[in-house]
Amino acid sequence: MDFNGKDIGAITMILFAVIDITGGLPVLVDIQQKTGRLKSEQIVVVSGIIMIVFLFLGESILKLIGIDIASFAIAGAFIIFFLALEMILGIKFFKGESAETASIVPIAFPLIAGAGTLTTLLSLRSQYQHIENIIVAILINLVIVYLVLRNTHRIEKLLGIGGINILRKIFGVILLALAVKLFKTNAY
């Protein structure tokens, strides 16, 4: 094993930007309000499993089932698109979400371990020689995700209902733009 602090730092920052857990706060608060609470541990474990499995087997799995990376990214774009519409317009697409299902869809996938994160992992794998550095960076990001998930209620109290509603609309537009970008980038 060849751990490289510089590589770990760079990969951690790239993944942090792509996962954007702080940008997803309005979505997390919204889902928490619907379901009562977030299952932080389950979300982090499922997200971690998805990312690490995809790191090793992602391209092979997609090829095996006949899906190219672009199609995978477009599917993720649709989910993000509907989440954004829900945030902006107040339309409910994810009806009857329980804490169990909300922990998996849409939080673990596609918000944390979404198409952007998974395709980034594939490109990081081709860019960095030592896969253990990527795994360490994934684990660091999962700790950050866990801390944000565990403190979502506190953050909600700090910002208040008005602050959350403003953030929800702003990040809804940002998520909508991200969905359009993912779609546009992968549709051609």
C-alpha atoms as a PDB file:
ATOM      1  CA  MET A   1       0.000   0.000   0.000  1.00  0.00           C
ATOM      2  CA  ASP A   2       1.244   3.405  -0.965  1.00  0.00           C
ATOM      3  CA  PHE A   3      -0.688   6.134   0.832  1.00  0.00           C
ATOM      4  CA  ASN A   4      -0.023   9.592  -0.551  1.00  0.00           C
ATOM      5  CA  GLY A   5      -1.336  12.525   1.505  1.00  0.00           C
ATOM      6  CA  LYS A   6      -1.325  14.890  -1.471  1.00  0.00           C
ATOM      7  CA  ASP A   7      -3.370  12.483  -3.603  1.00  0.00           C
ATOM      8  CA  ILE A   8      -5.758  11.736  -0.730  1.00  0.00           C
ATOM      9  CA  GLY A   9      -6.274  15.468  -0.174  1.00  0.00           C
ATOM     10  CA  ALA A  10      -6.910  16.147  -3.859  1.00  0.00           C
ATOM     11  CA  ILE A  11      -9.290  13.204  -4.250  1.00  0.00           C
ATOM     12  CA  THR A  12     -11.102  14.130  -1.027  1.00  0.00           C
ATOM     13  CA  MET A  13     -11.697  17.675  -2.283  1.00  0.00           C
ATOM     14  CA  ILE A  14     -12.907  16.459  -5.682  1.00  0.00           C
ATOM     15  CA  LEU A  15     -15.356  14.029  -4.081  1.00  0.00           C
ATOM     16  CA  PHE A  16     -16.476  16.644  -1.532  1.00  0.00           C
ATOM     17  CA  ALA A  17     -17.340  19.028  -4.357  1.00  0.00           C
ATOM     18  CA  VAL A  18     -19.193  16.357  -6.339  1.00  0.00           C
ATOM     19  CA  ILE A  19     -21.094  14.891  -3.371  1.00  0.00           C
ATOM     20  CA  ASP A  20     -21.913  18.433  -2.146  1.00  0.00           C
ATOM     21  CA  ILE A  21     -23.564  17.310   1.096  1.00  0.00           C
ATOM     22  CA  THR A  22     -23.812  20.880   2.362  1.00  0.00           C
ATOM     23  CA  GLY A  23     -25.601  21.879  -0.834  1.00  0.00           C
ATOM     24  CA  GLY A  24     -28.006  19.011  -0.265  1.00  0.00           C
ATOM     25  CA  LEU A  25     -29.054  20.299   3.164  1.00  0.00           C
ATOM     26  CA  PRO A  26     -32.450  21.573   1.970  1.00  0.00           C
ATOM     27  CA  VAL A  27     -33.218  18.161   0.458  1.00  0.00           C
ATOM     28  CA  LEU A  28     -32.141  16.434   3.673  1.00  0.00           C
ATOM     29  CA  VAL A  29     -34.271  18.753   5.808  1.00  0.00           C
ATOM     30  CA  ASP A  30     -37.235  18.256   3.479  1.00  0.00           C
ATOM     31  CA  ILE A  31     -36.951  14.466   3.627  1.00  0.00           C
ATOM     32  CA  GLN A  32     -36.416  14.584   7.389  1.00  0.00           C
ATOM     33  CA  GLN A  33     -39.619  16.614   7.755  1.00  0.00           C
ATOM     34  CA  LYS A  34     -41.510  14.029   5.662  1.00  0.00           C
ATOM     35  CA  THR A  35     -40.117  10.916   7.340  1.00  0.00           C
ATOM     36  CA  GLY A  36     -39.486  12.060  10.903  1.00  0.00           C
ATOM     37  CA  ARG A  37     -35.794  11.286  10.981  1.00  0.00           C
ATOM     38  CA  LEU A  38     -32.870  10.305   8.824  1.00  0.00           C
ATOM     39  CA  LYS A  39     -31.099   7.003   9.370  1.00  0.00           C
ATOM     40  CA  SER A  40     -27.597   8.479   9.222  1.00  0.00           C
ATOM     41  CA  GLU A  41     -25.717   5.225   9.758  1.00  0.00           C
ATOM     42  CA  GLN A  42     -27.712   3.363   7.113  1.00  0.00           C
ATOM     43  CA  ILE A  43     -27.313   6.203   4.614  1.00  0.00           C
ATOM     44  CA  VAL A  44     -23.535   6.341   5.125  1.00  0.00           C
ATOM     45  CA  VAL A  45     -23.074   2.559   4.966  1.00  0.00           C
ATOM     46  CA  VAL A  46     -25.201   2.181   1.823  1.00  0.00           C
ATOM     47  CA  SER A  47     -23.502   5.165   0.155  1.00  0.00           C
ATOM     48  CA  GLY A  48     -20.075   3.760   1.050  1.00  0.00           C
ATOM     49  CA  ILE A  49     -20.917   0.317  -0.280  1.00  0.00           C
ATOM     50  CA  ILE A  50     -22.268   1.777  -3.516  1.00  0.00           C
ATOM     51  CA  MET A  51     -19.173   3.944  -4.028  1.00  0.00           C
ATOM     52  CA  ILE A  52     -16.602   1.260  -3.206  1.00  0.00           C
ATOM     53  CA  VAL A  53     -18.339  -1.457  -5.235  1.00  0.00           C
ATOM     54  CA  PHE A  54     -18.685   0.951  -8.145  1.00  0.00           C
ATOM     55  CA  LEU A  55     -15.027   1.927  -7.832  1.00  0.00           C
ATOM     56  CA  PHE A  56     -14.012  -1.691  -8.406  1.00  0.00           C
ATOM     57  CA  LEU A  57     -16.833  -3.043 -10.566  1.00  0.00           C
ATOM     58  CA  GLY A  58     -18.736  -0.061 -11.952  1.00  0.00           C
ATOM     59  CA  GLU A  59     -17.630  -0.114 -15.527  1.00  0.00           C
ATOM     60  CA  SER A  60     -17.922  -3.918 -15.691  1.00  0.00           C
ATOM     61  CA  ILE A  61     -21.410  -3.914 -14.141  1.00  0.00           C
ATOM     62  CA  LEU A  62     -22.650  -1.282 -16.554  1.00  0.00           C
ATOM     63  CA  LYS A  63     -21.155  -3.136 -19.530  1.00  0.00           C
ATOM     64  CA  LEU A  64     -22.622  -6.430 -18.314  1.00  0.00           C
ATOM     65  CA  ILE A  65     -26.163  -5.054 -18.266  1.00  0.00           C
ATOM     66  CA  GLY A  66     -25.622  -3.092 -21.463  1.00  0.00           C
ATOM     67  CA  ILE A  67     -25.688   0.403 -19.985  1.00  0.00           C
ATOM     68  CA  ASP A  68     -23.106   2.970 -20.895  1.00  0.00           C
ATOM     69  CA  ILE A  69     -21.914   5.578 -18.388  1.00  0.00           C
ATOM     70  CA  ALA A  70     -23.761   8.343 -20.224  1.00  0.00           C
ATOM     71  CA  SER A  71     -27.119   6.553 -19.905  1.00  0.00           C
ATOM     72  CA  PHE A  72     -26.432   5.949 -16.232  1.00  0.00           C
ATOM     73  CA  ALA A  73     -25.711   9.641 -15.735  1.00  0.00           C
ATOM     74  CA  ILE A  74     -28.902  10.622 -17.585  1.00  0.00           C
ATOM     75  CA  ALA A  75     -30.975   8.351 -15.322  1.00  0.00           C
ATOM     76  CA  GLY A  76     -29.443  10.079 -12.301  1.00  0.00           C
ATOM     77  CA  ALA A  77     -30.205  13.428 -13.946  1.00  0.00           C
ATOM     78  CA  PHE A  78     -33.903  12.556 -14.127  1.00  0.00           C
ATOM     79  CA  ILE A  79     -34.044  11.729 -10.415  1.00  0.00           C
ATOM     80  CA  ILE A  80     -32.230  14.953  -9.527  1.00  0.00           C
ATOM     81  CA  PHE A  81     -34.571  16.849 -11.885  1.00  0.00           C
ATOM     82  CA  PHE A  82     -37.673  15.607 -10.073  1.00  0.00           C
ATOM     83  CA  LEU A  83     -36.137  16.372  -6.676  1.00  0.00           C
ATOM     84  CA  ALA A  84     -35.411  19.906  -7.875  1.00  0.00           C
ATOM     85  CA  LEU A  85     -38.969  20.401  -9.121  1.00  0.00           C
ATOM     86  CA  GLU A  86     -40.268  19.207  -5.784  1.00  0.00           C
ATOM     87  CA  MET A  87     -38.061  21.709  -3.967  1.00  0.00           C
ATOM     88  CA  ILE A  88     -38.903  24.653  -6.220  1.00  0.00           C
ATOM     89  CA  LEU A  89     -42.605  24.098  -6.857  1.00  0.00           C
ATOM     90  CA  GLY A  90     -43.635  22.167  -3.769  1.00  0.00           C
ATOM     91  CA  ILE A  91     -44.946  19.293  -5.918  1.00  0.00           C
ATOM     92  CA  LYS A  92     -44.638  15.927  -4.179  1.00  0.00           C
ATOM     93  CA  PHE A  93     -43.120  13.213  -6.370  1.00  0.00           C
ATOM     94  CA  PHE A  94     -41.690  11.051  -3.589  1.00  0.00           C
ATOM     95  CA  LYS A  95     -44.941  10.250  -1.838  1.00  0.00           C
ATOM     96  CA  GLY A  96     -45.174   8.055   1.208  1.00  0.00           C
ATOM     97  CA  GLU A  97     -41.440   7.985   1.811  1.00  0.00           C
ATOM     98  CA  SER A  98     -40.601   6.143   4.970  1.00  0.00           C
ATOM     99  CA  ALA A  99     -37.334   6.627   6.810  1.00  0.00           C
ATOM    100  CA  GLU A 100     -36.204   3.219   5.491  1.00  0.00           C
ATOM    101  CA  THR A 101     -36.709   3.973   1.800  1.00  0.00           C
ATOM    102  CA  ALA A 102     -35.672   7.628   2.064  1.00  0.00           C
ATOM    103  CA  SER A 103     -32.333   6.470   3.447  1.00  0.00           C
ATOM    104  CA  ILE A 104     -31.654   4.643   0.210  1.00  0.00           C
ATOM    105  CA  VAL A 105     -33.532   6.634  -2.453  1.00  0.00           C
ATOM    106  CA  PRO A 106     -33.063   9.562  -2.860  1.00  0.00           C
ATOM    107  CA  ILE A 107     -30.405  10.229  -0.182  1.00  0.00           C
ATOM    108  CA  ALA A 108     -27.815   7.414  -0.510  1.00  0.00           C
ATOM    109  CA  PHE A 109     -28.563   7.241  -4.219  1.00  0.00           C
ATOM    110  CA  PRO A 110     -28.544   9.619  -6.110  1.00  0.00           C
ATOM    111  CA  LEU A 111     -27.779  12.522  -3.726  1.00  0.00           C
ATOM    112  CA  ILE A 112     -24.610  11.106  -2.155  1.00  0.00           C
ATOM    113  CA  ALA A 113     -23.561   8.212  -4.374  1.00  0.00           C
ATOM    114  CA  GLY A 114     -25.208   9.514  -7.517  1.00  0.00           C
ATOM    115  CA  ALA A 115     -24.284   9.432 -11.156  1.00  0.00           C
ATOM    116  CA  GLY A 116     -21.898  12.360 -10.738  1.00  0.00           C
ATOM    117  CA  THR A 117     -20.080  10.725  -7.834  1.00  0.00           C
ATOM    118  CA  LEU A 118     -19.920   7.325  -9.496  1.00  0.00           C
ATOM    119  CA  THR A 119     -18.675   8.601 -12.834  1.00  0.00           C
ATOM    120  CA  THR A 120     -16.139  10.755 -10.952  1.00  0.00           C
ATOM    121  CA  LEU A 121     -14.911   7.622  -9.183  1.00  0.00           C
ATOM    122  CA  LEU A 122     -14.368   5.919 -12.542  1.00  0.00           C
ATOM    123  CA  SER A 123     -12.328   8.857 -13.802  1.00  0.00           C
ATOM    124  CA  LEU A 124     -10.356   9.059 -10.516  1.00  0.00           C
ATOM    125  CA  ARG A 125      -9.540   5.385 -10.845  1.00  0.00           C
ATOM    126  CA  SER A 126      -8.021   5.981 -14.261  1.00  0.00           C
ATOM    127  CA  GLN A 127      -6.175   9.088 -13.054  1.00  0.00           C
ATOM    128  CA  TYR A 128      -4.646   7.809  -9.784  1.00  0.00           C
ATOM    129  CA  GLN A 129      -2.480   4.695  -9.601  1.00  0.00           C
ATOM    130  CA  HIS A 130      -3.118   3.703  -6.004  1.00  0.00           C
ATOM    131  CA  ILE A 131      -6.723   2.772  -5.358  1.00  0.00           C
ATOM    132  CA  GLU A 132      -6.201   2.845  -1.571  1.00  0.00           C
ATOM    133  CA  ASN A 133      -5.877   6.641  -1.751  1.00  0.00           C
ATOM    134  CA  ILE A 134      -9.309   6.821  -3.411  1.00  0.00           C
ATOM    135  CA  ILE A 135     -10.782   4.548  -0.727  1.00  0.00           C
ATOM    136  CA  VAL A 136      -9.358   6.738   2.063  1.00  0.00           C
ATOM    137  CA  ALA A 137     -10.836   9.828   0.355  1.00  0.00           C
ATOM    138  CA  ILE A 138     -14.223   8.086   0.124  1.00  0.00           C
ATOM    139  CA  LEU A 139     -14.067   7.262   3.843  1.00  0.00           C
ATOM    140  CA  ILE A 140     -13.159  10.851   4.758  1.00  0.00           C
ATOM    141  CA  ASN A 141     -16.140  12.107   2.753  1.00  0.00           C
ATOM    142  CA  LEU A 142     -18.420   9.559   4.393  1.00  0.00           C
ATOM    143  CA  VAL A 143     -17.388  10.888   7.831  1.00  0.00           C
ATOM    144  CA  ILE A 144     -18.276  14.409   6.677  1.00  0.00           C
ATOM    145  CA  VAL A 145     -21.610  13.167   5.294  1.00  0.00           C
ATOM    146  CA  TYR A 146     -22.333  11.402   8.583  1.00  0.00           C
ATOM    147  CA  LEU A 147     -21.631  14.548  10.610  1.00  0.00           C
ATOM    148  CA  VAL A 148     -23.925  16.635   8.406  1.00  0.00           C
ATOM    149  CA  LEU A 149     -26.687  13.995   8.544  1.00  0.00           C
ATOM    150  CA  ARG A 150     -26.442  13.713  12.328  1.00  0.00           C
ATOM    151  CA  ASN A 151     -26.708  17.486  12.702  1.00  0.00           C
ATOM    152  CA  THR A 152     -29.401  18.208  10.122  1.00  0.00           C
ATOM    153  CA  HIS A 153     -31.943  18.950  12.864  1.00  0.00           C
ATOM    154  CA  ARG A 154     -29.565  21.396  14.578  1.00  0.00           C
ATOM    155  CA  ILE A 155     -28.784  23.101  11.300  1.00  0.00           C
ATOM    156  CA  GLU A 156     -32.515  23.343  10.597  1.00  0.00           C
ATOM    157  CA  LYS A 157     -33.086  25.000  13.983  1.00  0.00           C
ATOM    158  CA  LEU A 158     -30.231  27.411  13.362  1.00  0.00           C
ATOM    159  CA  LEU A 159     -31.554  28.503   9.965  1.00  0.00           C
ATOM    160  CA  GLY A 160     -35.246  28.501  10.888  1.00  0.00           C
ATOM    161  CA  ILE A 161     -38.219  27.767   8.632  1.00  0.00           C
ATOM    162  CA  GLY A 162     -37.679  30.878   6.501  1.00  0.00           C
ATOM    163  CA  GLY A 163     -33.991  30.168   6.005  1.00  0.00           C
ATOM    164  CA  ILE A 164     -34.681  26.561   5.068  1.00  0.00           C
ATOM    165  CA  ASN A 165     -37.395  27.600   2.600  1.00  0.00           C
ATOM    166  CA  ILE A 166     -35.057  30.105   0.956  1.00  0.00           C
ATOM    167  CA  LEU A 167     -32.266  27.531   0.791  1.00  0.00           C
ATOM    168  CA  ARG A 168     -34.705  24.921  -0.553  1.00  0.00           C
ATOM    169  CA  LYS A 169     -35.673  27.187  -3.472  1.00  0.00           C
ATOM    170  CA  ILE A 170     -32.094  28.279  -4.200  1.00  0.00           C
ATOM    171  CA  PHE A 171     -30.701  24.756  -4.068  1.00  0.00           C
ATOM    172  CA  GLY A 172     -33.714  23.493  -6.000  1.00  0.00           C
ATOM    173  CA  VAL A 173     -32.675  25.750  -8.865  1.00  0.00           C
ATOM    174  CA  ILE A 174     -29.051  24.612  -8.457  1.00  0.00           C
ATOM    175  CA  LEU A 175     -30.133  20.956  -8.491  1.00  0.00           C
ATOM    176  CA  LEU A 176     -32.271  21.649 -11.552  1.00  0.00           C
ATOM    177  CA  ALA A 177     -29.258  23.200 -13.291  1.00  0.00           C
ATOM    178  CA  LEU A 178     -27.129  20.204 -12.250  1.00  0.00           C
ATOM    179  CA  ALA A 179     -29.733  17.818 -13.682  1.00  0.00           C
ATOM    180  CA  VAL A 180     -29.823  19.749 -16.960  1.00  0.00           C
ATOM    181  CA  LYS A 181     -26.002  19.796 -17.091  1.00  0.00           C
ATOM    182  CA  LEU A 182     -25.796  16.038 -16.444  1.00  0.00           C
ATOM    183  CA  PHE A 183     -28.416  15.422 -19.107  1.00  0.00           C
ATOM    184  CA  LYS A 184     -26.850  17.797 -21.635  1.00  0.00           C
ATOM    185  CA  THR A 185     -23.322  16.494 -21.075  1.00  0.00           C
ATOM    186  CA  ASN A 186     -24.344  12.873 -21.486  1.00  0.00           C
ATOM    187  CA  ALA A 187     -27.083  13.156 -24.131  1.00  0.00           C
ATOM    188  CA  TYR A 188     -24.691  13.903 -26.996  1.00  0.00           C
END
